[in-house]
Amino acid sequence: MSAQNQRTSAKIFQFPARGRFAPANGAVQQDHALPTVEIGSGWYHEEAMKEEQKAKAKH
């Protein structure tokens, strides 16, 4: 009995140049628009802190 060890090379697949998640026809998708983000301290938090300070001052 003879042991035959054949080594085969790994197969390399080329990704499409357009990217994996881009549509195949090159159309731009509009349904996945990014949300708008505003940076700030949060007025609601500041108002809640003011109300808490007023309540403490009354007691």
PDB file of N, CA and C in Angstrom:
ATOM      1  N   MET A   1       0.837  -1.166   0.000  1.00  0.00           N
ATOM      2  CA  MET A   1       0.000   0.000   0.000  1.00  0.00           C
ATOM      3  C   MET A   1       0.893   1.244   0.000  1.00  0.00           C
ATOM      4  N   SER A   2       0.628   2.131  -0.918  1.00  0.00           N
ATOM      5  CA  SER A   2       1.438   3.341  -0.993  1.00  0.00           C
ATOM      6  C   SER A   2       0.567   4.546  -0.669  1.00  0.00           C
ATOM      7  N   ALA A   3       1.095   5.438   0.114  1.00  0.00           N
ATOM      8  CA  ALA A   3       0.370   6.650   0.493  1.00  0.00           C
ATOM      9  C   ALA A   3       0.669   7.726  -0.533  1.00  0.00           C
ATOM     10  N   GLN A   4      -0.370   8.262  -1.105  1.00  0.00           N
ATOM     11  CA  GLN A   4      -0.191   9.324  -2.095  1.00  0.00           C
ATOM     12  C   GLN A   4      -0.700  10.633  -1.506  1.00  0.00           C
ATOM     13  N   ASN A   5       0.215  11.521  -1.316  1.00  0.00           N
ATOM     14  CA  ASN A   5      -0.140  12.835  -0.795  1.00  0.00           C
ATOM     15  C   ASN A   5      -0.059  13.838  -1.937  1.00  0.00           C
ATOM     16  N   GLN A   6      -1.204  14.254  -2.394  1.00  0.00           N
ATOM     17  CA  GLN A   6      -1.221  15.279  -3.425  1.00  0.00           C
ATOM     18  C   GLN A   6      -1.615  16.595  -2.782  1.00  0.00           C
ATOM     19  N   ARG A   7      -0.785  17.572  -2.966  1.00  0.00           N
ATOM     20  CA  ARG A   7      -1.094  18.898  -2.435  1.00  0.00           C
ATOM     21  C   ARG A   7      -1.724  19.721  -3.547  1.00  0.00           C
ATOM     22  N   THR A   8      -2.881  20.267  -3.231  1.00  0.00           N
ATOM     23  CA  THR A   8      -3.522  21.143  -4.201  1.00  0.00           C
ATOM     24  C   THR A   8      -3.456  22.564  -3.669  1.00  0.00           C
ATOM     25  N   SER A   9      -3.351  23.487  -4.557  1.00  0.00           N
ATOM     26  CA  SER A   9      -3.252  24.892  -4.200  1.00  0.00           C
ATOM     27  C   SER A   9      -4.638  25.425  -3.827  1.00  0.00           C
ATOM     28  N   ALA A  10      -4.649  26.437  -2.995  1.00  0.00           N
ATOM     29  CA  ALA A  10      -5.917  27.075  -2.639  1.00  0.00           C
ATOM     30  C   ALA A  10      -6.413  27.864  -3.834  1.00  0.00           C
ATOM     31  N   LYS A  11      -7.716  27.918  -3.984  1.00  0.00           N
ATOM     32  CA  LYS A  11      -8.301  28.674  -5.083  1.00  0.00           C
ATOM     33  C   LYS A  11      -8.607  30.084  -4.589  1.00  0.00           C
ATOM     34  N   ILE A  12      -8.154  31.071  -5.314  1.00  0.00           N
ATOM     35  CA  ILE A  12      -8.349  32.467  -4.945  1.00  0.00           C
ATOM     36  C   ILE A  12      -9.447  33.040  -5.817  1.00  0.00           C
ATOM     37  N   PHE A  13     -10.449  33.621  -5.169  1.00  0.00           N
ATOM     38  CA  PHE A  13     -11.563  34.235  -5.875  1.00  0.00           C
ATOM     39  C   PHE A  13     -11.394  35.747  -5.840  1.00  0.00           C
ATOM     40  N   GLN A  14     -11.581  36.389  -6.970  1.00  0.00           N
ATOM     41  CA  GLN A  14     -11.467  37.843  -7.064  1.00  0.00           C
ATOM     42  C   GLN A  14     -12.825  38.465  -6.742  1.00  0.00           C
ATOM     43  N   PHE A  15     -12.858  39.408  -5.803  1.00  0.00           N
ATOM     44  CA  PHE A  15     -14.089  40.137  -5.515  1.00  0.00           C
ATOM     45  C   PHE A  15     -14.366  41.098  -6.665  1.00  0.00           C
ATOM     46  N   PRO A  16     -15.622  41.368  -6.925  1.00  0.00           N
ATOM     47  CA  PRO A  16     -15.917  42.337  -7.984  1.00  0.00           C
ATOM     48  C   PRO A  16     -15.375  43.717  -7.619  1.00  0.00           C
ATOM     49  N   ALA A  17     -14.941  44.461  -8.620  1.00  0.00           N
ATOM     50  CA  ALA A  17     -14.333  45.767  -8.378  1.00  0.00           C
ATOM     51  C   ALA A  17     -15.338  46.756  -7.796  1.00  0.00           C
ATOM     52  N   ARG A  18     -16.617  46.553  -8.020  1.00  0.00           N
ATOM     53  CA  ARG A  18     -17.641  47.475  -7.535  1.00  0.00           C
ATOM     54  C   ARG A  18     -17.905  47.318  -6.051  1.00  0.00           C
ATOM     55  N   GLY A  19     -17.459  46.250  -5.455  1.00  0.00           N
ATOM     56  CA  GLY A  19     -17.716  45.993  -4.039  1.00  0.00           C
ATOM     57  C   GLY A  19     -18.804  44.953  -3.869  1.00  0.00           C
ATOM     58  N   ARG A  20     -18.797  44.290  -2.748  1.00  0.00           N
ATOM     59  CA  ARG A  20     -19.740  43.197  -2.530  1.00  0.00           C
ATOM     60  C   ARG A  20     -21.173  43.669  -2.356  1.00  0.00           C
ATOM     61  N   PHE A  21     -21.381  44.855  -1.770  1.00  0.00           N
ATOM     62  CA  PHE A  21     -22.720  45.278  -1.408  1.00  0.00           C
ATOM     63  C   PHE A  21     -23.313  46.286  -2.383  1.00  0.00           C
ATOM     64  N   ALA A  22     -22.580  46.648  -3.408  1.00  0.00           N
ATOM     65  CA  ALA A  22     -23.083  47.599  -4.394  1.00  0.00           C
ATOM     66  C   ALA A  22     -23.992  46.871  -5.380  1.00  0.00           C
ATOM     67  N   PRO A  23     -24.992  47.550  -5.913  1.00  0.00           N
ATOM     68  CA  PRO A  23     -25.852  46.906  -6.899  1.00  0.00           C
ATOM     69  C   PRO A  23     -25.071  46.584  -8.179  1.00  0.00           C
ATOM     70  N   ALA A  24     -25.423  45.513  -8.833  1.00  0.00           N
ATOM     71  CA  ALA A  24     -24.695  45.050 -10.006  1.00  0.00           C
ATOM     72  C   ALA A  24     -24.817  46.017 -11.176  1.00  0.00           C
ATOM     73  N   ASN A  25     -25.929  46.764 -11.267  1.00  0.00           N
ATOM     74  CA  ASN A  25     -26.120  47.655 -12.410  1.00  0.00           C
ATOM     75  C   ASN A  25     -25.488  49.029 -12.188  1.00  0.00           C
ATOM     76  N   GLY A  26     -24.864  49.270 -11.049  1.00  0.00           N
ATOM     77  CA  GLY A  26     -24.186  50.531 -10.788  1.00  0.00           C
ATOM     78  C   GLY A  26     -25.095  51.632 -10.273  1.00  0.00           C
ATOM     79  N   ALA A  27     -26.372  51.321 -10.053  1.00  0.00           N
ATOM     80  CA  ALA A  27     -27.314  52.327  -9.571  1.00  0.00           C
ATOM     81  C   ALA A  27     -27.015  52.668  -8.121  1.00  0.00           C
ATOM     82  N   VAL A  28     -27.272  53.897  -7.759  1.00  0.00           N
ATOM     83  CA  VAL A  28     -27.065  54.354  -6.383  1.00  0.00           C
ATOM     84  C   VAL A  28     -28.356  54.119  -5.612  1.00  0.00           C
ATOM     85  N   GLN A  29     -28.249  53.455  -4.485  1.00  0.00           N
ATOM     86  CA  GLN A  29     -29.429  53.185  -3.666  1.00  0.00           C
ATOM     87  C   GLN A  29     -29.702  54.375  -2.763  1.00  0.00           C
ATOM     88  N   GLN A  30     -30.938  54.864  -2.782  1.00  0.00           N
ATOM     89  CA  GLN A  30     -31.324  56.010  -1.968  1.00  0.00           C
ATOM     90  C   GLN A  30     -32.050  55.596  -0.695  1.00  0.00           C
ATOM     91  N   ASP A  31     -32.442  54.346  -0.585  1.00  0.00           N
ATOM     92  CA  ASP A  31     -33.245  53.930   0.558  1.00  0.00           C
ATOM     93  C   ASP A  31     -32.439  53.724   1.834  1.00  0.00           C
ATOM     94  N   HIS A  32     -31.133  53.789   1.772  1.00  0.00           N
ATOM     95  CA  HIS A  32     -30.300  53.588   2.956  1.00  0.00           C
ATOM     96  C   HIS A  32     -29.588  54.880   3.332  1.00  0.00           C
ATOM     97  N   ALA A  33     -30.340  55.960   3.376  1.00  0.00           N
ATOM     98  CA  ALA A  33     -29.740  57.254   3.709  1.00  0.00           C
ATOM     99  C   ALA A  33     -29.344  57.264   5.184  1.00  0.00           C
ATOM    100  N   LEU A  34     -28.265  57.932   5.475  1.00  0.00           N
ATOM    101  CA  LEU A  34     -27.790  58.022   6.853  1.00  0.00           C
ATOM    102  C   LEU A  34     -28.636  59.029   7.627  1.00  0.00           C
ATOM    103  N   PRO A  35     -28.875  58.777   8.893  1.00  0.00           N
ATOM    104  CA  PRO A  35     -29.645  59.727   9.695  1.00  0.00           C
ATOM    105  C   PRO A  35     -28.816  60.971   9.995  1.00  0.00           C
ATOM    106  N   THR A  36     -29.496  62.073  10.221  1.00  0.00           N
ATOM    107  CA  THR A  36     -28.779  63.285  10.605  1.00  0.00           C
ATOM    108  C   THR A  36     -28.527  63.241  12.112  1.00  0.00           C
ATOM    109  N   VAL A  37     -27.369  63.687  12.497  1.00  0.00           N
ATOM    110  CA  VAL A  37     -26.970  63.655  13.901  1.00  0.00           C
ATOM    111  C   VAL A  37     -26.604  65.067  14.314  1.00  0.00           C
ATOM    112  N   GLU A  38     -27.173  65.500  15.437  1.00  0.00           N
ATOM    113  CA  GLU A  38     -26.836  66.818  15.961  1.00  0.00           C
ATOM    114  C   GLU A  38     -26.029  66.636  17.234  1.00  0.00           C
ATOM    115  N   ILE A  39     -25.023  67.466  17.369  1.00  0.00           N
ATOM    116  CA  ILE A  39     -24.149  67.381  18.529  1.00  0.00           C
ATOM    117  C   ILE A  39     -24.499  68.527  19.471  1.00  0.00           C
ATOM    118  N   GLY A  40     -24.721  68.202  20.714  1.00  0.00           N
ATOM    119  CA  GLY A  40     -25.033  69.221  21.704  1.00  0.00           C
ATOM    120  C   GLY A  40     -25.176  68.586  23.073  1.00  0.00           C
ATOM    121  N   SER A  41     -25.497  69.418  24.045  1.00  0.00           N
ATOM    122  CA  SER A  41     -25.569  68.919  25.415  1.00  0.00           C
ATOM    123  C   SER A  41     -26.905  68.266  25.714  1.00  0.00           C
ATOM    124  N   GLY A  42     -27.912  68.521  24.910  1.00  0.00           N
ATOM    125  CA  GLY A  42     -29.225  67.939  25.173  1.00  0.00           C
ATOM    126  C   GLY A  42     -30.057  68.874  26.022  1.00  0.00           C
ATOM    127  N   TRP A  43     -30.863  69.698  25.392  1.00  0.00           N
ATOM    128  CA  TRP A  43     -31.650  70.687  26.125  1.00  0.00           C
ATOM    129  C   TRP A  43     -32.565  70.048  27.147  1.00  0.00           C
ATOM    130  N   TYR A  44     -33.066  68.846  26.846  1.00  0.00           N
ATOM    131  CA  TYR A  44     -33.978  68.183  27.769  1.00  0.00           C
ATOM    132  C   TYR A  44     -33.287  67.839  29.082  1.00  0.00           C
ATOM    133  N   HIS A  45     -32.022  67.499  29.006  1.00  0.00           N
ATOM    134  CA  HIS A  45     -31.266  67.181  30.218  1.00  0.00           C
ATOM    135  C   HIS A  45     -31.061  68.446  31.050  1.00  0.00           C
ATOM    136  N   GLU A  46     -30.714  69.529  30.370  1.00  0.00           N
ATOM    137  CA  GLU A  46     -30.517  70.794  31.080  1.00  0.00           C
ATOM    138  C   GLU A  46     -31.815  71.260  31.736  1.00  0.00           C
ATOM    139  N   GLU A  47     -32.950  71.114  31.037  1.00  0.00           N
ATOM    140  CA  GLU A  47     -34.248  71.504  31.604  1.00  0.00           C
ATOM    141  C   GLU A  47     -34.598  70.644  32.815  1.00  0.00           C
ATOM    142  N   ALA A  48     -34.322  69.347  32.739  1.00  0.00           N
ATOM    143  CA  ALA A  48     -34.603  68.458  33.868  1.00  0.00           C
ATOM    144  C   ALA A  48     -33.758  68.836  35.080  1.00  0.00           C
ATOM    145  N   MET A  49     -32.514  69.213  34.850  1.00  0.00           N
ATOM    146  CA  MET A  49     -31.653  69.620  35.959  1.00  0.00           C
ATOM    147  C   MET A  49     -32.165  70.917  36.592  1.00  0.00           C
ATOM    148  N   LYS A  50     -32.637  71.866  35.762  1.00  0.00           N
ATOM    149  CA  LYS A  50     -33.179  73.117  36.288  1.00  0.00           C
ATOM    150  C   LYS A  50     -34.424  72.857  37.126  1.00  0.00           C
ATOM    151  N   GLU A  51     -35.302  71.978  36.635  1.00  0.00           N
ATOM    152  CA  GLU A  51     -36.531  71.648  37.395  1.00  0.00           C
ATOM    153  C   GLU A  51     -36.184  70.990  38.725  1.00  0.00           C
ATOM    154  N   GLU A  52     -35.185  70.137  38.737  1.00  0.00           N
ATOM    155  CA  GLU A  52     -34.781  69.473  39.969  1.00  0.00           C
ATOM    156  C   GLU A  52     -34.224  70.489  40.965  1.00  0.00           C
ATOM    157  N   GLN A  53     -33.443  71.446  40.476  1.00  0.00           N
ATOM    158  CA  GLN A  53     -32.883  72.471  41.354  1.00  0.00           C
ATOM    159  C   GLN A  53     -33.979  73.357  41.932  1.00  0.00           C
ATOM    160  N   LYS A  54     -35.004  73.666  41.111  1.00  0.00           N
ATOM    161  CA  LYS A  54     -36.143  74.473  41.595  1.00  0.00           C
ATOM    162  C   LYS A  54     -36.912  73.719  42.673  1.00  0.00           C
ATOM    163  N   ALA A  55     -37.099  72.418  42.467  1.00  0.00           N
ATOM    164  CA  ALA A  55     -37.834  71.613  43.439  1.00  0.00           C
ATOM    165  C   ALA A  55     -37.059  71.519  44.758  1.00  0.00           C
ATOM    166  N   LYS A  56     -35.766  71.426  44.695  1.00  0.00           N
ATOM    167  CA  LYS A  56     -34.949  71.359  45.906  1.00  0.00           C
ATOM    168  C   LYS A  56     -34.957  72.707  46.639  1.00  0.00           C
ATOM    169  N   ALA A  57     -35.006  73.798  45.878  1.00  0.00           N
ATOM    170  CA  ALA A  57     -34.990  75.119  46.481  1.00  0.00           C
ATOM    171  C   ALA A  57     -36.294  75.412  47.222  1.00  0.00           C
ATOM    172  N   LYS A  58     -37.413  74.842  46.746  1.00  0.00           N
ATOM    173  CA  LYS A  58     -38.708  75.041  47.377  1.00  0.00           C
ATOM    174  C   LYS A  58     -38.814  74.301  48.707  1.00  0.00           C
ATOM    175  N   HIS A  59     -38.088  73.242  48.866  1.00  0.00           N
ATOM    176  CA  HIS A  59     -38.204  72.412  50.082  1.00  0.00           C
ATOM    177  C   HIS A  59     -37.308  72.882  51.128  1.00  0.00           C
TER     178      HIS A  59
END
